[in-house]
N, C-alpha and C. Protein backbone atom coordinates (compact mmCIF):
# COMPACT_ATOMS: atom_id res chain seq x y z
N UNK A 1 -0.77 -23.81 -73.75
CA UNK A 1 -1.47 -22.41 -74.15
C UNK A 1 -1.37 -22.27 -75.72
N UNK A 2 -0.30 -22.21 -76.02
CA UNK A 2 0.98 -22.26 -77.60
C UNK A 2 -0.02 -23.30 -78.05
N UNK A 3 -0.25 -24.25 -77.81
CA UNK A 3 -0.55 -25.79 -78.57
C UNK A 3 -2.06 -25.33 -78.80
N UNK A 4 -2.90 -24.79 -77.68
CA UNK A 4 -4.05 -24.78 -78.70
C UNK A 4 -4.55 -23.88 -78.98
N UNK A 5 -3.71 -22.85 -79.31
CA UNK A 5 -3.60 -21.78 -80.08
C UNK A 5 -3.15 -21.60 -81.11
N UNK A 6 -2.23 -23.30 -81.62
CA UNK A 6 -2.05 -23.37 -82.77
C UNK A 6 -2.96 -24.60 -83.29
N UNK A 7 -3.56 -24.94 -82.42
CA UNK A 7 -5.11 -26.09 -82.94
C UNK A 7 -5.86 -25.06 -83.87
N UNK A 8 -6.59 -23.92 -82.32
CA UNK A 8 -7.74 -22.76 -83.07
C UNK A 8 -6.80 -22.44 -84.49
N UNK A 9 -5.71 -22.11 -84.70
CA UNK A 9 -5.19 -21.48 -86.15
C UNK A 9 -5.42 -22.18 -87.06
N UNK A 10 -4.55 -23.75 -87.20
CA UNK A 10 -5.21 -24.53 -87.92
C UNK A 10 -7.05 -24.48 -88.19
N UNK A 11 -7.76 -24.81 -87.49
CA UNK A 11 -9.00 -24.86 -87.52
C UNK A 11 -9.08 -23.85 -88.33
N UNK A 12 -9.06 -22.16 -87.87
CA UNK A 12 -9.26 -21.30 -89.08
C UNK A 12 -9.11 -21.48 -90.50
N UNK A 13 -7.52 -21.88 -90.33
CA UNK A 13 -7.13 -21.95 -91.72
C UNK A 13 -7.94 -23.07 -92.67
N UNK A 14 -8.09 -24.18 -91.84
CA UNK A 14 -8.77 -25.00 -92.72
C UNK A 14 -10.53 -24.75 -93.11
N UNK A 15 -11.05 -24.02 -92.31
CA UNK A 15 -12.82 -23.27 -92.52
C UNK A 15 -12.39 -22.65 -93.73
N UNK A 16 -11.20 -21.95 -93.65
CA UNK A 16 -11.34 -20.54 -94.87
C UNK A 16 -10.89 -21.49 -96.55
N UNK A 17 -10.00 -22.42 -96.47
CA UNK A 17 -9.54 -23.00 -97.60
C UNK A 17 -11.11 -24.03 -97.85
N UNK A 18 -11.95 -24.44 -96.88
CA UNK A 18 -13.38 -25.42 -97.36
C UNK A 18 -14.16 -24.34 -98.14
N UNK A 19 -14.44 -22.96 -97.64
CA UNK A 19 -15.00 -21.56 -98.44
C UNK A 19 -14.14 -21.39 -99.64
N UNK A 20 -13.25 -21.41 -99.98
CA UNK A 20 -12.51 -21.23 -101.12
C UNK A 20 -11.89 -22.33 -101.86
N UNK A 21 -12.44 -22.94 -103.25
CA UNK A 21 -12.20 -24.02 -104.22
C UNK A 21 -10.45 -23.82 -104.01
N UNK A 22 -9.81 -22.60 -103.94
CA UNK A 22 -8.46 -22.47 -104.26
C UNK A 22 -7.45 -22.72 -103.23
N UNK A 23 -6.81 -23.67 -102.80
CA UNK A 23 -6.10 -23.68 -101.60
C UNK A 23 -5.29 -22.43 -101.65
N UNK A 24 -4.91 -21.66 -100.78
CA UNK A 24 -3.81 -21.13 -100.39
C UNK A 24 -3.45 -21.24 -98.88
N UNK A 25 -2.33 -20.81 -98.50
CA UNK A 25 -1.91 -21.04 -97.38
C UNK A 25 -0.71 -20.08 -97.26
N UNK A 26 -0.97 -18.78 -96.95
CA UNK A 26 -0.15 -17.42 -96.91
C UNK A 26 0.42 -17.71 -95.76
N UNK A 27 1.63 -17.04 -95.63
CA UNK A 27 2.82 -17.02 -94.35
C UNK A 27 1.46 -16.49 -92.77
N UNK A 28 1.93 -17.62 -92.05
CA UNK A 28 0.91 -16.97 -91.27
C UNK A 28 1.77 -17.06 -89.74
N UNK A 29 1.11 -15.53 -88.90
CA UNK A 29 2.08 -15.52 -87.62
C UNK A 29 0.90 -15.84 -86.32
N UNK A 30 0.81 -16.32 -85.33
CA UNK A 30 -0.15 -16.62 -84.05
C UNK A 30 0.49 -15.49 -83.16
N UNK A 31 -0.74 -15.07 -82.32
CA UNK A 31 0.04 -14.22 -81.19
C UNK A 31 -1.09 -14.60 -79.72
N UNK A 32 -0.77 -14.88 -78.87
CA UNK A 32 -1.72 -14.61 -77.76
C UNK A 32 -2.12 -13.35 -77.30
N UNK A 33 -2.18 -12.30 -77.96
CA UNK A 33 -2.86 -11.11 -77.52
C UNK A 33 -3.54 -10.61 -78.86
N UNK A 34 -4.70 -9.68 -78.99
CA UNK A 34 -5.87 -9.03 -79.29
C UNK A 34 -5.63 -8.86 -80.92
N UNK A 35 -5.92 -8.77 -81.59
CA UNK A 35 -5.74 -8.39 -82.95
C UNK A 35 -5.57 -6.82 -83.08
N UNK A 36 -6.51 -5.78 -81.91
CA UNK A 36 -6.38 -4.54 -82.13
C UNK A 36 -4.80 -4.62 -81.60
N UNK A 37 -4.46 -5.22 -81.12
CA UNK A 37 -3.15 -4.55 -79.84
C UNK A 37 -1.73 -4.87 -81.49
N UNK A 38 -2.04 -6.13 -81.87
CA UNK A 38 -1.19 -6.36 -83.02
C UNK A 38 -0.98 -5.03 -84.12
N UNK A 39 -2.53 -5.11 -84.78
CA UNK A 39 -2.60 -3.70 -85.37
C UNK A 39 -2.42 -2.18 -85.03
N UNK A 40 -2.52 -2.25 -83.82
CA UNK A 40 -1.70 -0.70 -83.74
C UNK A 40 -0.38 -0.72 -83.06
N UNK A 41 0.26 -2.09 -83.43
CA UNK A 41 1.72 -2.42 -83.28
C UNK A 41 2.62 -2.24 -84.83
N UNK A 42 1.63 -2.91 -85.48
CA UNK A 42 2.12 -2.59 -86.79
C UNK A 42 2.03 -1.30 -87.62
N UNK A 43 0.79 -0.62 -87.22
CA UNK A 43 0.81 0.79 -87.80
C UNK A 43 1.43 1.34 -87.63
N UNK A 44 1.70 1.71 -86.32
CA UNK A 44 2.99 2.56 -85.70
C UNK A 44 4.26 1.82 -86.26
N UNK A 45 5.01 1.21 -86.48
CA UNK A 45 6.10 0.73 -87.32
C UNK A 45 6.08 1.29 -88.63
N UNK A 46 4.72 0.66 -88.92
CA UNK A 46 4.75 1.38 -90.93
C UNK A 46 5.33 2.82 -90.67
N UNK A 47 4.24 3.67 -89.92
CA UNK A 47 4.38 5.08 -89.84
C UNK A 47 5.51 5.42 -89.32
N UNK A 48 6.41 4.79 -88.15
CA UNK A 48 7.96 4.90 -88.07
C UNK A 48 8.95 4.93 -89.00
N UNK A 49 8.33 3.42 -90.13
CA UNK A 49 9.75 3.17 -90.90
C UNK A 49 9.23 4.23 -92.19
N UNK A 50 8.44 5.48 -92.61
CA UNK A 50 8.13 6.18 -93.36
C UNK A 50 8.93 7.29 -93.40
N UNK A 51 9.52 7.50 -95.05
CA UNK A 51 10.76 8.19 -94.70
C UNK A 51 10.29 10.06 -94.71
N UNK A 52 8.92 9.44 -94.59
CA UNK A 52 8.42 11.17 -94.25
C UNK A 52 8.70 11.75 -92.57
N UNK A 53 8.63 10.60 -91.93
CA UNK A 53 8.95 10.94 -90.62
C UNK A 53 10.74 10.73 -90.09
N UNK A 54 11.01 10.05 -91.04
CA UNK A 54 12.84 10.06 -90.59
C UNK A 54 13.58 8.73 -91.04
N UNK A 55 12.76 8.20 -91.80
CA UNK A 55 13.32 7.03 -91.84
C UNK A 55 13.89 6.42 -93.23
N UNK A 56 14.79 7.21 -93.62
CA UNK A 56 15.05 7.75 -95.12
C UNK A 56 15.11 6.21 -95.99
N UNK A 57 16.11 4.94 -95.37
CA UNK A 57 16.27 3.44 -96.01
C UNK A 57 15.50 2.77 -95.97
N UNK A 58 14.34 3.35 -95.45
CA UNK A 58 12.89 2.36 -94.86
C UNK A 58 11.76 2.18 -96.18
N UNK A 59 11.52 3.68 -96.10
CA UNK A 59 10.53 3.50 -97.48
C UNK A 59 8.58 2.70 -97.32
N UNK A 60 8.38 2.66 -95.96
CA UNK A 60 7.46 1.95 -95.84
C UNK A 60 6.06 2.92 -95.98
N UNK A 61 4.70 2.85 -96.42
CA UNK A 61 4.02 4.00 -96.48
C UNK A 61 2.36 3.17 -96.43
N UNK A 62 1.94 3.55 -95.18
CA UNK A 62 0.41 3.31 -94.89
C UNK A 62 -0.52 3.86 -95.69
N UNK A 63 -1.24 2.82 -96.50
CA UNK A 63 -2.01 3.33 -97.52
C UNK A 63 -3.54 3.03 -96.67
N UNK A 64 -4.06 2.05 -95.91
CA UNK A 64 -5.00 2.35 -95.05
C UNK A 64 -5.06 0.72 -94.11
N UNK A 65 -6.24 1.35 -93.35
CA UNK A 65 -5.84 0.64 -91.98
C UNK A 65 -7.44 0.52 -91.48
N UNK A 66 -7.79 -1.48 -91.41
CA UNK A 66 -9.00 -1.15 -90.85
C UNK A 66 -8.74 -1.93 -89.43
N UNK A 67 -9.98 -2.69 -89.38
CA UNK A 67 -9.40 -3.61 -87.62
C UNK A 67 -8.85 -5.15 -88.05
N UNK A 68 -9.52 -5.63 -89.78
CA UNK A 68 -9.06 -6.98 -90.18
C UNK A 68 -8.22 -6.83 -91.17
N UNK A 69 -7.70 -5.30 -91.77
CA UNK A 69 -7.12 -5.70 -92.82
C UNK A 69 -6.07 -4.05 -92.35
N UNK A 70 -4.68 -4.27 -93.10
CA UNK A 70 -3.91 -3.18 -92.91
C UNK A 70 -2.86 -3.16 -94.37
N UNK A 71 -2.92 -2.61 -95.13
CA UNK A 71 -2.47 -2.04 -96.34
C UNK A 71 -1.01 -1.08 -96.20
N UNK A 72 0.10 -1.32 -96.75
CA UNK A 72 0.84 -0.35 -96.93
C UNK A 72 1.66 -0.78 -98.29
N UNK A 73 2.61 0.48 -98.32
CA UNK A 73 3.75 0.18 -99.82
C UNK A 73 4.56 0.28 -99.46
N UNK A 74 5.83 -0.35 -100.16
CA UNK A 74 7.37 -0.27 -99.60
C UNK A 74 7.98 0.18 -101.02
N UNK A 75 9.02 0.44 -101.26
CA UNK A 75 9.46 1.08 -102.09
C UNK A 75 11.42 0.99 -101.89
N UNK A 76 12.04 0.53 -102.65
CA UNK A 76 13.29 0.60 -102.66
C UNK A 76 13.88 1.91 -102.30
N UNK A 77 14.85 2.55 -101.53
CA UNK A 77 15.58 3.41 -101.61
C UNK A 77 15.65 4.08 -102.81
N UNK A 78 16.64 3.29 -103.99
CA UNK A 78 16.27 3.89 -105.14
C UNK A 78 15.09 3.98 -106.15
N UNK A 79 14.06 3.31 -105.43
CA UNK A 79 13.01 3.64 -106.59
C UNK A 79 12.82 2.24 -107.73
N UNK A 80 13.44 1.66 -107.55
CA UNK A 80 13.46 0.81 -108.31
C UNK A 80 12.55 -0.72 -108.10
N UNK A 81 12.01 -1.02 -107.27
CA UNK A 81 11.59 -1.70 -106.26
C UNK A 81 10.35 -1.61 -105.88
N UNK A 82 9.27 -1.98 -106.21
CA UNK A 82 8.01 -1.68 -105.05
C UNK A 82 7.27 -2.46 -104.51
N UNK A 83 6.24 -2.62 -103.76
CA UNK A 83 5.79 -4.22 -103.52
C UNK A 83 4.57 -3.29 -102.79
N UNK A 84 3.61 -4.33 -102.64
CA UNK A 84 2.61 -3.79 -102.35
C UNK A 84 1.94 -4.92 -100.60
N UNK A 85 2.00 -4.45 -99.70
CA UNK A 85 1.73 -5.23 -98.19
C UNK A 85 0.03 -5.25 -98.24
N UNK A 86 0.12 -6.52 -97.14
CA UNK A 86 -1.29 -6.67 -96.84
C UNK A 86 -1.34 -7.68 -95.80
N UNK A 87 -1.65 -7.24 -94.36
CA UNK A 87 -1.44 -8.38 -93.12
C UNK A 87 -2.89 -8.34 -93.11
N UNK A 88 -3.54 -9.65 -92.98
CA UNK A 88 -5.04 -9.84 -92.45
C UNK A 88 -5.06 -10.14 -91.30
N UNK A 89 -5.78 -9.45 -90.05
CA UNK A 89 -5.71 -9.96 -89.01
C UNK A 89 -7.11 -10.69 -88.04
N UNK A 90 -6.78 -11.87 -87.78
CA UNK A 90 -8.09 -12.76 -87.47
C UNK A 90 -7.88 -13.07 -85.72
N UNK A 91 -9.19 -12.84 -85.51
CA UNK A 91 -9.06 -13.56 -83.80
C UNK A 91 -9.10 -14.96 -83.89
N UNK A 92 -8.59 -16.05 -83.31
CA UNK A 92 -8.66 -17.40 -83.54
C UNK A 92 -9.74 -17.49 -82.87
N UNK A 93 -10.35 -19.07 -83.23
CA UNK A 93 -11.24 -19.46 -82.54
C UNK A 93 -11.14 -19.84 -80.90
N UNK A 94 -9.95 -19.89 -80.47
CA UNK A 94 -10.09 -20.71 -78.83
C UNK A 94 -9.06 -20.01 -78.89
N UNK A 95 -9.09 -19.13 -77.65
CA UNK A 95 -8.23 -18.88 -76.31
C UNK A 95 -8.32 -17.09 -77.50
N UNK A 96 -7.51 -16.19 -76.69
CA UNK A 96 -7.71 -15.04 -76.88
C UNK A 96 -6.90 -14.71 -77.69
N UNK A 97 -6.44 -14.98 -79.43
CA UNK A 97 -5.16 -14.76 -79.55
C UNK A 97 -5.83 -14.13 -80.98
N UNK A 98 -4.50 -14.14 -81.74
CA UNK A 98 -4.91 -13.50 -82.96
C UNK A 98 -3.90 -14.37 -84.26
N UNK A 99 -4.79 -14.48 -85.61
CA UNK A 99 -3.72 -14.87 -86.80
C UNK A 99 -3.68 -14.00 -87.22
N UNK A 100 -2.19 -13.88 -87.62
CA UNK A 100 -2.27 -12.85 -88.99
C UNK A 100 -1.17 -13.36 -89.89
N UNK A 101 -1.71 -13.01 -91.28
CA UNK A 101 -1.36 -13.66 -92.62
C UNK A 101 -0.95 -12.33 -93.04
N UNK A 102 -0.21 -12.56 -93.75
CA UNK A 102 0.81 -11.43 -94.54
C UNK A 102 1.21 -11.79 -96.04
N UNK A 103 1.27 -10.56 -97.12
CA UNK A 103 1.56 -11.00 -97.93
C UNK A 103 2.00 -9.58 -98.60
N UNK A 104 3.17 -9.97 -99.67
CA UNK A 104 4.19 -8.64 -100.06
C UNK A 104 4.15 -8.97 -101.28
N UNK A 105 3.70 -8.48 -102.23
CA UNK A 105 3.31 -8.65 -103.82
C UNK A 105 4.80 -7.50 -104.43
N UNK A 106 5.67 -7.93 -105.04
CA UNK A 106 6.36 -7.50 -105.67
C UNK A 106 5.65 -6.67 -107.13
N UNK A 107 5.94 -5.59 -107.61
CA UNK A 107 5.08 -5.21 -108.48
C UNK A 107 5.83 -5.08 -109.86
N UNK A 108 7.47 -5.73 -110.16
CA UNK A 108 7.76 -5.89 -111.16
C UNK A 108 8.51 -7.40 -110.82
N UNK A 109 8.80 -8.27 -111.99
CA UNK A 109 9.42 -9.32 -112.02
C UNK A 109 10.93 -9.67 -111.46
N UNK A 110 11.58 -8.18 -111.62
CA UNK A 110 12.81 -8.06 -110.96
C UNK A 110 13.49 -8.68 -109.65
N UNK A 111 11.96 -9.01 -108.86
CA UNK A 111 12.15 -9.32 -107.44
C UNK A 111 12.27 -10.54 -107.22
N UNK A 112 12.35 -11.59 -108.28
CA UNK A 112 12.25 -12.91 -108.20
C UNK A 112 13.59 -13.82 -107.49
N UNK A 113 14.54 -13.17 -107.88
CA UNK A 113 16.06 -13.42 -106.97
C UNK A 113 16.05 -12.19 -106.38
N UNK A 114 15.33 -12.13 -105.05
CA UNK A 114 16.06 -10.52 -104.32
C UNK A 114 16.44 -11.28 -102.78
N UNK A 115 16.93 -12.20 -102.47
CA UNK A 115 17.25 -12.58 -101.20
C UNK A 115 15.88 -12.30 -100.38
N UNK A 116 14.96 -12.88 -100.63
CA UNK A 116 13.45 -12.96 -99.82
C UNK A 116 13.17 -11.47 -99.76
N UNK A 117 13.01 -10.80 -100.45
CA UNK A 117 12.45 -9.68 -100.33
C UNK A 117 10.76 -9.19 -99.82
N UNK A 118 10.26 -9.88 -100.10
CA UNK A 118 8.43 -9.93 -100.03
C UNK A 118 8.56 -10.24 -98.30
N UNK A 119 9.35 -11.82 -97.68
CA UNK A 119 9.13 -11.96 -96.96
C UNK A 119 9.88 -11.22 -95.84
N UNK A 120 11.09 -10.61 -96.18
CA UNK A 120 11.34 -9.75 -95.32
C UNK A 120 10.49 -8.00 -94.80
N UNK A 121 9.86 -7.92 -95.54
CA UNK A 121 9.30 -6.66 -96.24
C UNK A 121 8.07 -6.81 -94.64
N UNK A 122 7.30 -8.12 -94.60
CA UNK A 122 6.81 -8.28 -93.49
C UNK A 122 7.26 -8.73 -92.16
N UNK A 123 8.60 -9.52 -92.44
CA UNK A 123 9.41 -10.16 -91.20
C UNK A 123 9.81 -8.74 -90.47
N UNK A 124 10.61 -7.70 -91.48
CA UNK A 124 11.03 -6.60 -91.02
C UNK A 124 10.10 -5.73 -89.99
N UNK A 125 8.77 -5.89 -90.31
CA UNK A 125 7.50 -4.89 -89.59
C UNK A 125 7.42 -5.39 -88.42
N UNK A 126 7.09 -6.75 -88.39
CA UNK A 126 7.09 -7.86 -87.48
C UNK A 126 7.72 -7.54 -86.16
N UNK A 127 9.79 -7.71 -86.57
CA UNK A 127 10.49 -8.00 -85.32
C UNK A 127 10.72 -5.89 -85.15
N UNK A 128 10.48 -5.23 -86.15
CA UNK A 128 10.98 -4.02 -85.32
C UNK A 128 9.85 -3.52 -84.60
N UNK A 129 8.46 -3.59 -84.57
CA UNK A 129 7.38 -3.49 -84.08
C UNK A 129 7.65 -4.34 -82.50
N UNK A 130 8.64 -5.24 -82.30
CA UNK A 130 8.74 -6.13 -81.17
C UNK A 130 8.06 -7.42 -81.19
N UNK A 131 7.02 -7.29 -82.10
CA UNK A 131 5.95 -8.75 -82.05
C UNK A 131 6.41 -10.02 -82.15
N UNK A 132 7.61 -10.04 -82.83
CA UNK A 132 8.26 -11.12 -83.12
C UNK A 132 8.58 -11.92 -81.43
N UNK A 133 8.68 -10.89 -80.47
CA UNK A 133 8.97 -11.45 -79.12
C UNK A 133 7.77 -11.53 -78.37
N UNK A 134 6.52 -11.28 -79.02
CA UNK A 134 5.32 -10.89 -78.13
C UNK A 134 4.89 -12.46 -77.66
N UNK A 135 3.94 -12.33 -76.29
CA UNK A 135 3.96 -13.85 -75.94
C UNK A 135 3.00 -14.54 -77.00
N UNK A 136 3.68 -15.78 -76.94
CA UNK A 136 3.06 -16.85 -77.84
C UNK A 136 3.01 -16.90 -79.36
N UNK A 137 3.94 -15.83 -79.53
CA UNK A 137 4.24 -16.04 -81.36
C UNK A 137 5.08 -16.95 -82.03
N UNK A 138 4.36 -17.29 -82.63
CA UNK A 138 4.90 -18.74 -83.69
C UNK A 138 4.73 -18.18 -84.92
N UNK A 139 5.35 -18.72 -85.79
CA UNK A 139 5.62 -18.22 -87.40
C UNK A 139 5.26 -19.78 -87.67
N UNK A 140 4.63 -19.49 -89.07
CA UNK A 140 4.33 -20.53 -89.80
C UNK A 140 4.22 -20.55 -91.24
N UNK A 141 5.60 -20.63 -91.75
CA UNK A 141 6.01 -20.77 -93.02
C UNK A 141 7.15 -21.80 -93.35
N UNK A 142 6.83 -21.72 -94.37
CA UNK A 142 8.19 -22.25 -95.47
C UNK A 142 8.32 -21.91 -96.59
N UNK A 143 9.27 -22.66 -97.68
CA UNK A 143 9.70 -22.21 -98.81
C UNK A 143 8.19 -21.99 -99.57
N UNK A 144 7.77 -23.48 -99.30
CA UNK A 144 6.36 -23.47 -100.18
C UNK A 144 5.50 -22.68 -100.12
N UNK A 145 5.02 -21.84 -98.69
CA UNK A 145 3.93 -21.02 -98.70
C UNK A 145 4.57 -19.60 -99.16
N UNK A 146 5.92 -19.53 -99.20
CA UNK A 146 6.40 -18.31 -98.82
C UNK A 146 7.73 -18.16 -99.99
N UNK A 147 7.88 -18.07 -101.35
CA UNK A 147 9.06 -18.21 -102.04
C UNK A 147 9.90 -17.15 -101.46
N UNK A 148 11.48 -17.78 -101.46
CA UNK A 148 12.31 -16.63 -100.90
C UNK A 148 12.32 -16.77 -99.48
N UNK A 149 11.96 -17.66 -98.33
CA UNK A 149 11.59 -17.59 -97.57
C UNK A 149 13.42 -18.15 -96.48
N UNK A 150 13.77 -19.22 -97.29
CA UNK A 150 14.23 -20.10 -97.24
C UNK A 150 15.91 -18.92 -97.70
N UNK A 151 15.95 -18.30 -98.64
CA UNK A 151 16.86 -17.34 -99.04
C UNK A 151 16.94 -16.01 -98.35
N UNK A 152 15.74 -15.36 -97.31
CA UNK A 152 15.53 -14.17 -97.26
C UNK A 152 16.86 -14.04 -95.84
N UNK A 153 17.69 -12.33 -96.26
CA UNK A 153 18.37 -12.30 -95.36
C UNK A 153 17.90 -10.75 -94.90
N UNK A 154 17.31 -11.06 -93.78
CA UNK A 154 16.09 -9.61 -93.81
C UNK A 154 16.96 -8.56 -92.61
N UNK A 155 17.00 -7.50 -92.95
CA UNK A 155 17.94 -6.56 -92.41
C UNK A 155 16.91 -5.00 -92.49
N UNK A 156 16.62 -4.45 -91.42
CA UNK A 156 15.69 -3.10 -91.51
C UNK A 156 17.10 -2.01 -92.15
């Protein structure tokens, strides 16, 4: 089943790049569960990591949520770094799974040597929500797709 899900995601990625002349390969994750369940888990985790709800060191804020896209912001506890986060959820072509692409963009150049902060913004939400141990979870990324991935030292 995992092989079928992986083949489905690769076909989806190839069709995306065929429509877009600029090749892009954002870090993707595959799940053997519906996108609606993943979206719900991520929204709950972003809200749980809100300083307004009690997580003073997390500083995530939900900006918008649609069935296909989740947008959030993250700021460091000292307020010196800020990132925009986007998750895009697409049902896979075969199997009842979901391909989740994530992107975290630092709003300042000081985040270039940040121990993989942008990768960790995404990973911390996925991990803390329990999605990294969800059925069929596969992460497809590397240093080429996600600058800082190899240096990442993620901790919530």
